Amino acid sequence: MWSRRKQHSRDHYNPYIIRDYTRLKPLEVINEDYMTEDILCRKGNRVFRAHLYAFQDMRSRAILGWSLQPEMNECQTPSW
């Protein structure tokens, strides 16, 4: 019973999408992601949970840049 529900969920709610990144030009599509890390950092006398921002070129899948920030809105676009 469980396997049929699991298969039904995969078939109807989690479609498999094939993406062909080889057709993209380098830096044509850039993915930016954000995550609050489970680590504590210290800057001066201030202790905070770090917010990680990462930028990735989808053609090469290379990480273009990343930043750890104390606040969510302090990330600036990398200059490449």
Protein backbone atom coordinates (compact mmCIF):
# COMPACT_ATOMS: atom_id res chain seq x y z
CA MET A 1 0.00 0.00 0.00
CA TRP A 2 2.77 2.44 0.97
CA SER A 3 4.71 1.89 -2.25
CA ARG A 4 1.64 2.61 -4.41
CA ARG A 5 1.04 5.92 -2.61
CA LYS A 6 4.70 6.80 -2.96
CA GLN A 7 4.63 5.99 -6.70
CA HIS A 8 1.41 7.97 -7.13
CA SER A 9 3.01 10.96 -5.43
CA ARG A 10 6.06 10.77 -7.69
CA ASP A 11 3.97 10.44 -10.84
CA HIS A 12 1.51 13.22 -10.08
CA TYR A 13 3.25 15.74 -7.84
CA ASN A 14 7.01 15.42 -8.42
CA PRO A 15 7.52 15.41 -12.18
CA TYR A 16 11.01 14.71 -13.43
CA ILE A 17 12.23 17.67 -15.48
CA ILE A 18 15.12 17.13 -17.88
CA ARG A 19 17.18 20.27 -18.27
CA ASP A 20 19.78 20.68 -20.96
CA TYR A 21 22.30 23.22 -19.68
CA THR A 22 24.64 22.64 -22.62
CA ARG A 23 22.49 24.91 -24.78
CA LEU A 24 23.14 27.86 -22.48
CA LYS A 25 25.92 30.37 -23.00
CA PRO A 26 28.27 30.95 -20.06
CA LEU A 27 26.76 33.48 -17.62
CA GLU A 28 23.43 33.45 -19.51
CA VAL A 29 21.62 32.05 -16.46
CA ILE A 30 22.93 32.66 -12.95
CA ASN A 31 21.40 30.97 -9.94
CA GLU A 32 21.51 32.73 -6.58
CA ASP A 33 20.69 30.86 -3.41
CA TYR A 34 20.43 31.86 0.24
CA MET A 35 20.61 29.81 3.41
CA THR A 36 20.84 30.53 7.11
CA GLU A 37 23.73 28.43 8.38
CA ASP A 38 23.71 26.61 11.70
CA ILE A 39 27.01 28.14 12.75
CA LEU A 40 27.73 31.07 14.99
CA CYS A 41 30.13 33.77 13.83
CA ARG A 42 31.66 36.67 15.67
CA LYS A 43 32.39 40.10 14.21
CA GLY A 44 33.83 42.38 16.86
CA ASN A 45 31.69 41.91 19.96
CA ARG A 46 28.66 40.75 17.99
CA VAL A 47 27.74 37.03 17.71
CA PHE A 48 25.31 36.04 14.95
CA ARG A 49 24.06 33.14 12.82
CA ALA A 50 25.60 33.48 9.41
CA HIS A 51 23.53 33.91 6.25
CA LEU A 52 25.18 32.32 3.22
CA TYR A 53 24.63 33.65 -0.29
CA ALA A 54 26.02 31.78 -3.29
CA PHE A 55 26.01 32.56 -7.01
CA GLN A 56 26.34 29.79 -9.61
CA ASP A 57 26.69 29.79 -13.39
CA MET A 58 24.19 27.23 -14.64
CA ARG A 59 26.14 26.40 -17.84
CA SER A 60 29.39 25.40 -16.12
CA ARG A 61 27.85 24.84 -12.65
CA ALA A 62 30.80 26.80 -11.25
CA ILE A 63 30.37 28.82 -8.07
CA LEU A 64 30.95 32.43 -9.09
CA GLY A 65 30.99 33.85 -5.60
CA TRP A 66 29.68 33.49 -2.10
CA SER A 67 29.25 35.67 0.95
CA LEU A 68 28.59 35.15 4.66
CA GLN A 69 26.60 38.03 6.14
CA PRO A 70 25.22 38.80 9.61
CA GLU A 71 21.88 40.07 8.22
CA MET A 72 19.70 38.76 5.40
CA ASN A 73 19.62 41.99 3.35
CA GLU A 74 23.32 42.86 3.42
CA CYS A 75 24.41 40.79 0.43
CA GLN A 76 25.62 42.68 -2.59
CA THR A 77 25.76 41.37 -6.12
CA PRO A 78 29.25 40.09 -6.88
CA SER A 79 31.22 42.10 -9.41
CA TRP A 80 32.56 39.76 -12.06
